[in-house]
N, C-alpha and C. Protein backbone atom coordinates (compact mmCIF):
# COMPACT_ATOMS: atom_id res chain seq x y z
N MET A 1 94.52 63.23 122.21
CA MET A 1 93.83 64.39 121.72
C MET A 1 94.60 65.64 122.14
N THR A 2 94.85 66.50 121.17
CA THR A 2 95.60 67.71 121.44
C THR A 2 94.63 68.87 121.60
N THR A 3 94.85 69.67 122.59
CA THR A 3 94.02 70.85 122.79
C THR A 3 94.86 72.08 122.51
N THR A 4 94.21 73.11 122.01
CA THR A 4 94.90 74.37 121.75
C THR A 4 94.17 75.46 122.50
N ASN A 5 94.89 76.39 122.98
CA ASN A 5 94.21 77.51 123.61
C ASN A 5 94.10 78.64 122.60
N ASP A 6 93.34 79.66 122.96
CA ASP A 6 93.08 80.76 122.03
C ASP A 6 94.34 81.54 121.67
N ALA A 7 95.33 81.52 122.53
CA ALA A 7 96.55 82.29 122.24
C ALA A 7 97.31 81.70 121.06
N GLU A 8 97.16 80.41 120.81
CA GLU A 8 97.88 79.76 119.72
C GLU A 8 97.15 79.87 118.39
N MET A 9 95.86 80.10 118.42
CA MET A 9 95.06 80.16 117.20
C MET A 9 95.20 81.53 116.54
N PRO A 10 95.48 81.55 115.25
CA PRO A 10 95.54 82.86 114.58
C PRO A 10 94.14 83.47 114.53
N ARG A 11 94.07 84.75 114.72
CA ARG A 11 92.79 85.45 114.70
C ARG A 11 92.67 86.23 113.39
N ALA A 12 91.47 86.29 112.91
CA ALA A 12 91.22 87.08 111.71
C ALA A 12 91.31 88.56 112.08
N VAL A 13 92.03 89.28 111.30
CA VAL A 13 92.19 90.70 111.54
C VAL A 13 91.36 91.45 110.51
N ARG A 14 90.51 92.32 110.98
CA ARG A 14 89.69 93.11 110.07
C ARG A 14 90.48 94.33 109.64
N VAL A 15 90.69 94.45 108.35
CA VAL A 15 91.44 95.57 107.80
C VAL A 15 90.47 96.42 106.99
N GLU A 16 90.38 97.67 107.36
CA GLU A 16 89.53 98.59 106.62
C GLU A 16 90.22 98.94 105.30
N PRO A 17 89.46 99.00 104.22
CA PRO A 17 90.09 99.32 102.93
C PRO A 17 90.61 100.75 102.92
N ARG A 18 91.74 100.95 102.30
CA ARG A 18 92.30 102.29 102.15
C ARG A 18 91.95 102.87 100.79
N LEU A 19 91.71 102.00 99.82
CA LEU A 19 91.33 102.40 98.48
C LEU A 19 90.01 101.73 98.14
N VAL A 20 89.13 102.48 97.48
CA VAL A 20 87.84 101.93 97.05
C VAL A 20 87.63 102.25 95.58
N THR A 21 86.70 101.54 94.97
CA THR A 21 86.39 101.79 93.56
C THR A 21 85.65 103.12 93.43
N ARG A 22 85.58 103.61 92.20
CA ARG A 22 84.83 104.85 91.96
C ARG A 22 83.36 104.67 92.29
N VAL A 23 82.82 103.50 91.99
CA VAL A 23 81.40 103.24 92.28
C VAL A 23 81.15 103.29 93.78
N ALA A 24 82.02 102.66 94.56
CA ALA A 24 81.86 102.65 96.01
C ALA A 24 82.00 104.07 96.58
N ALA A 25 82.94 104.83 96.07
CA ALA A 25 83.15 106.20 96.55
C ALA A 25 81.96 107.09 96.18
N ALA A 26 81.44 106.93 94.96
CA ALA A 26 80.27 107.70 94.55
C ALA A 26 79.08 107.35 95.43
N HIS A 27 78.90 106.08 95.71
CA HIS A 27 77.81 105.63 96.57
C HIS A 27 77.96 106.23 97.97
N ALA A 28 79.18 106.25 98.49
CA ALA A 28 79.42 106.82 99.82
C ALA A 28 79.07 108.30 99.87
N LEU A 29 79.27 109.01 98.76
CA LEU A 29 78.95 110.44 98.70
C LEU A 29 77.49 110.69 98.35
N GLY A 30 76.79 109.65 97.90
CA GLY A 30 75.39 109.81 97.53
C GLY A 30 75.20 110.49 96.18
N ILE A 31 76.17 110.33 95.29
CA ILE A 31 76.07 110.92 93.95
C ILE A 31 76.24 109.81 92.91
N GLY A 32 75.90 110.11 91.68
CA GLY A 32 76.03 109.14 90.61
C GLY A 32 77.47 109.00 90.14
N ILE A 33 77.72 107.90 89.44
CA ILE A 33 79.07 107.62 88.96
C ILE A 33 79.52 108.64 87.92
N THR A 34 78.61 109.13 87.09
CA THR A 34 78.98 110.11 86.08
C THR A 34 79.47 111.39 86.73
N LYS A 35 78.73 111.88 87.71
CA LYS A 35 79.14 113.09 88.44
C LYS A 35 80.46 112.84 89.15
N PHE A 36 80.61 111.66 89.73
CA PHE A 36 81.85 111.35 90.44
C PHE A 36 83.04 111.36 89.49
N LYS A 37 82.86 110.77 88.30
CA LYS A 37 83.94 110.77 87.31
C LYS A 37 84.31 112.19 86.89
N GLU A 38 83.31 113.08 86.81
CA GLU A 38 83.58 114.47 86.47
C GLU A 38 84.43 115.13 87.56
N LEU A 39 84.11 114.84 88.82
CA LEU A 39 84.87 115.41 89.93
C LEU A 39 86.31 114.92 89.92
N VAL A 40 86.51 113.65 89.62
CA VAL A 40 87.86 113.09 89.55
C VAL A 40 88.62 113.73 88.39
N ALA A 41 87.97 113.83 87.24
CA ALA A 41 88.61 114.42 86.06
C ALA A 41 89.00 115.87 86.29
N ALA A 42 88.19 116.59 87.08
CA ALA A 42 88.47 117.99 87.36
C ALA A 42 89.51 118.17 88.46
N GLY A 43 89.94 117.07 89.06
CA GLY A 43 90.92 117.15 90.12
C GLY A 43 90.34 117.50 91.48
N GLU A 44 89.01 117.45 91.59
CA GLU A 44 88.37 117.76 92.87
C GLU A 44 88.58 116.64 93.89
N ILE A 45 88.69 115.41 93.39
CA ILE A 45 88.88 114.25 94.26
C ILE A 45 90.12 113.51 93.79
N GLU A 46 91.01 113.26 94.72
CA GLU A 46 92.27 112.57 94.43
C GLU A 46 91.99 111.11 94.04
N HIS A 47 92.81 110.58 93.15
CA HIS A 47 92.70 109.18 92.77
C HIS A 47 94.10 108.60 92.54
N VAL A 48 94.17 107.28 92.54
CA VAL A 48 95.41 106.60 92.22
C VAL A 48 95.11 105.56 91.15
N GLU A 49 96.12 105.24 90.38
CA GLU A 49 95.96 104.21 89.35
C GLU A 49 96.88 103.05 89.69
N ILE A 50 96.31 101.87 89.68
CA ILE A 50 97.08 100.64 89.84
C ILE A 50 96.79 99.82 88.59
N GLY A 51 97.77 99.75 87.73
CA GLY A 51 97.53 99.15 86.43
C GLY A 51 96.52 100.01 85.68
N ARG A 52 95.42 99.39 85.26
CA ARG A 52 94.38 100.13 84.56
C ARG A 52 93.24 100.54 85.47
N ARG A 53 93.32 100.13 86.73
CA ARG A 53 92.25 100.44 87.68
C ARG A 53 92.44 101.83 88.27
N ILE A 54 91.35 102.53 88.41
CA ILE A 54 91.36 103.83 89.07
C ILE A 54 90.68 103.62 90.42
N LEU A 55 91.43 103.92 91.49
CA LEU A 55 90.93 103.73 92.84
C LEU A 55 90.99 105.04 93.59
N ILE A 56 90.11 105.16 94.57
CA ILE A 56 89.98 106.40 95.33
C ILE A 56 90.40 106.15 96.78
N PRO A 57 91.36 106.92 97.30
CA PRO A 57 91.68 106.78 98.72
C PRO A 57 90.48 107.21 99.57
N VAL A 58 90.18 106.46 100.60
CA VAL A 58 89.08 106.81 101.49
C VAL A 58 89.31 108.20 102.07
N SER A 59 90.56 108.52 102.35
CA SER A 59 90.88 109.85 102.89
C SER A 59 90.53 110.97 101.91
N ALA A 60 90.58 110.69 100.60
CA ALA A 60 90.23 111.70 99.60
C ALA A 60 88.73 111.98 99.62
N VAL A 61 87.92 110.95 99.86
CA VAL A 61 86.47 111.14 99.97
C VAL A 61 86.18 112.00 101.20
N ASP A 62 86.84 111.67 102.32
CA ASP A 62 86.65 112.45 103.54
C ASP A 62 87.09 113.90 103.34
N ALA A 63 88.21 114.10 102.66
CA ALA A 63 88.71 115.46 102.41
C ALA A 63 87.74 116.25 101.54
N TYR A 64 87.14 115.60 100.56
CA TYR A 64 86.17 116.29 99.70
C TYR A 64 84.95 116.73 100.50
N VAL A 65 84.47 115.87 101.39
CA VAL A 65 83.32 116.23 102.23
C VAL A 65 83.69 117.42 103.12
N GLU A 66 84.87 117.41 103.69
CA GLU A 66 85.31 118.52 104.54
C GLU A 66 85.43 119.81 103.73
N GLN A 67 85.89 119.69 102.50
CA GLN A 67 86.01 120.86 101.62
C GLN A 67 84.62 121.45 101.36
N LEU A 68 83.64 120.60 101.09
CA LEU A 68 82.28 121.08 100.87
C LEU A 68 81.72 121.75 102.11
N ARG A 69 81.97 121.16 103.26
CA ARG A 69 81.50 121.76 104.52
C ARG A 69 82.12 123.13 104.74
N ALA A 70 83.41 123.25 104.47
CA ALA A 70 84.10 124.52 104.67
C ALA A 70 83.53 125.59 103.75
N VAL A 71 83.29 125.23 102.51
CA VAL A 71 82.73 126.18 101.55
C VAL A 71 81.34 126.60 101.98
N GLN A 72 80.54 125.66 102.42
CA GLN A 72 79.16 125.96 102.78
C GLN A 72 79.08 126.76 104.08
N SER A 73 79.93 126.47 105.04
CA SER A 73 79.86 127.19 106.32
C SER A 73 80.47 128.57 106.22
N GLY A 74 81.35 128.80 105.26
CA GLY A 74 82.01 130.09 105.13
C GLY A 74 81.25 131.08 104.27
N ASN A 75 80.08 130.68 103.77
CA ASN A 75 79.35 131.53 102.84
C ASN A 75 77.86 131.40 103.15
N GLY A 76 77.15 132.50 103.13
CA GLY A 76 75.71 132.48 103.41
C GLY A 76 74.94 131.66 102.40
N ASN A 77 75.41 131.62 101.15
CA ASN A 77 74.73 130.87 100.10
C ASN A 77 75.56 129.62 99.83
N GLY A 78 75.66 128.75 100.82
CA GLY A 78 76.55 127.60 100.75
C GLY A 78 76.26 126.65 99.63
N HIS A 79 74.98 126.36 99.37
CA HIS A 79 74.66 125.37 98.35
C HIS A 79 75.14 125.83 96.98
N ALA A 80 74.86 127.07 96.64
CA ALA A 80 75.28 127.58 95.33
C ALA A 80 76.80 127.66 95.23
N ALA A 81 77.44 128.07 96.32
CA ALA A 81 78.91 128.15 96.32
C ALA A 81 79.53 126.77 96.17
N ALA A 82 78.96 125.79 96.86
CA ALA A 82 79.49 124.43 96.76
C ALA A 82 79.28 123.89 95.36
N LYS A 83 78.14 124.20 94.76
CA LYS A 83 77.87 123.72 93.41
C LYS A 83 78.86 124.33 92.42
N ARG A 84 79.14 125.63 92.58
CA ARG A 84 80.13 126.27 91.71
C ARG A 84 81.51 125.69 91.94
N ALA A 85 81.84 125.40 93.20
CA ALA A 85 83.17 124.89 93.53
C ALA A 85 83.41 123.51 92.94
N ARG A 86 82.37 122.71 92.82
CA ARG A 86 82.58 121.34 92.35
C ARG A 86 82.20 121.14 90.89
N LYS A 87 81.76 122.18 90.21
CA LYS A 87 81.36 122.03 88.81
C LYS A 87 82.60 121.74 87.97
N ALA A 88 82.56 120.61 87.30
CA ALA A 88 83.71 120.17 86.50
C ALA A 88 83.51 120.58 85.05
N PRO A 89 84.56 121.04 84.40
CA PRO A 89 84.44 121.36 82.98
C PRO A 89 84.27 120.07 82.17
N ARG A 90 83.46 120.14 81.16
CA ARG A 90 83.26 118.98 80.30
C ARG A 90 84.43 118.88 79.33
N THR A 91 85.01 117.71 79.26
CA THR A 91 86.10 117.49 78.33
C THR A 91 85.80 116.24 77.51
N ARG A 92 86.27 116.21 76.31
CA ARG A 92 86.07 115.06 75.46
C ARG A 92 87.28 114.14 75.56
N THR A 93 87.01 112.86 75.61
CA THR A 93 88.10 111.89 75.61
C THR A 93 88.55 111.67 74.18
N ALA A 94 89.69 111.06 74.01
CA ALA A 94 90.20 110.77 72.67
C ALA A 94 89.23 109.88 71.91
N ALA A 95 88.62 108.90 72.62
CA ALA A 95 87.68 107.99 71.96
C ALA A 95 86.43 108.73 71.49
N SER A 96 85.92 109.65 72.33
CA SER A 96 84.71 110.36 71.92
C SER A 96 85.00 111.33 70.76
N ARG A 97 86.21 111.91 70.75
CA ARG A 97 86.57 112.77 69.62
C ARG A 97 86.67 111.96 68.34
N ALA A 98 87.22 110.75 68.43
CA ALA A 98 87.34 109.89 67.24
C ALA A 98 85.96 109.50 66.72
N ARG A 99 85.05 109.12 67.63
CA ARG A 99 83.68 108.78 67.19
C ARG A 99 83.01 109.98 66.53
N ARG A 100 83.20 111.14 67.13
CA ARG A 100 82.56 112.36 66.60
C ARG A 100 83.11 112.68 65.21
N SER A 101 84.42 112.52 65.02
CA SER A 101 84.99 112.83 63.72
C SER A 101 84.56 111.82 62.66
N ARG A 102 84.36 110.55 63.06
CA ARG A 102 83.86 109.53 62.12
C ARG A 102 82.44 109.86 61.68
N LYS A 103 81.60 110.31 62.63
CA LYS A 103 80.23 110.66 62.30
C LYS A 103 80.17 111.81 61.31
N THR A 104 81.00 112.83 61.53
CA THR A 104 80.96 113.98 60.63
C THR A 104 81.57 113.67 59.28
N SER A 105 82.53 112.77 59.22
CA SER A 105 83.14 112.43 57.92
C SER A 105 82.25 111.50 57.12
N ASP A 106 81.39 110.70 57.80
CA ASP A 106 80.46 109.80 57.11
C ASP A 106 79.31 110.56 56.47
N ALA A 107 78.98 111.71 56.99
CA ALA A 107 77.82 112.46 56.51
C ALA A 107 78.06 113.17 55.21
């Protein structure tokens, strides 16, 4: 019978994720996915693309929270200032423009 000590056994290493999905990042911020997508589209939150996947660095979520804190602490009306700072302009995607043009041409 062979015995092994703990030094010879490989140990599981817990690795914290560096990139998370948009859903996970939105959940961490306590906002909906639609609002989160608007923030990403407006450039308020950094993202990376791997293939067709859009992933969010955990550090970008932390940086966004710090940005909100700085805006709110530097202004007496922090909530309104933060809301203005993060308001994303609405833009149409190519697919939504195509659907819209089909609807108007069918009428």
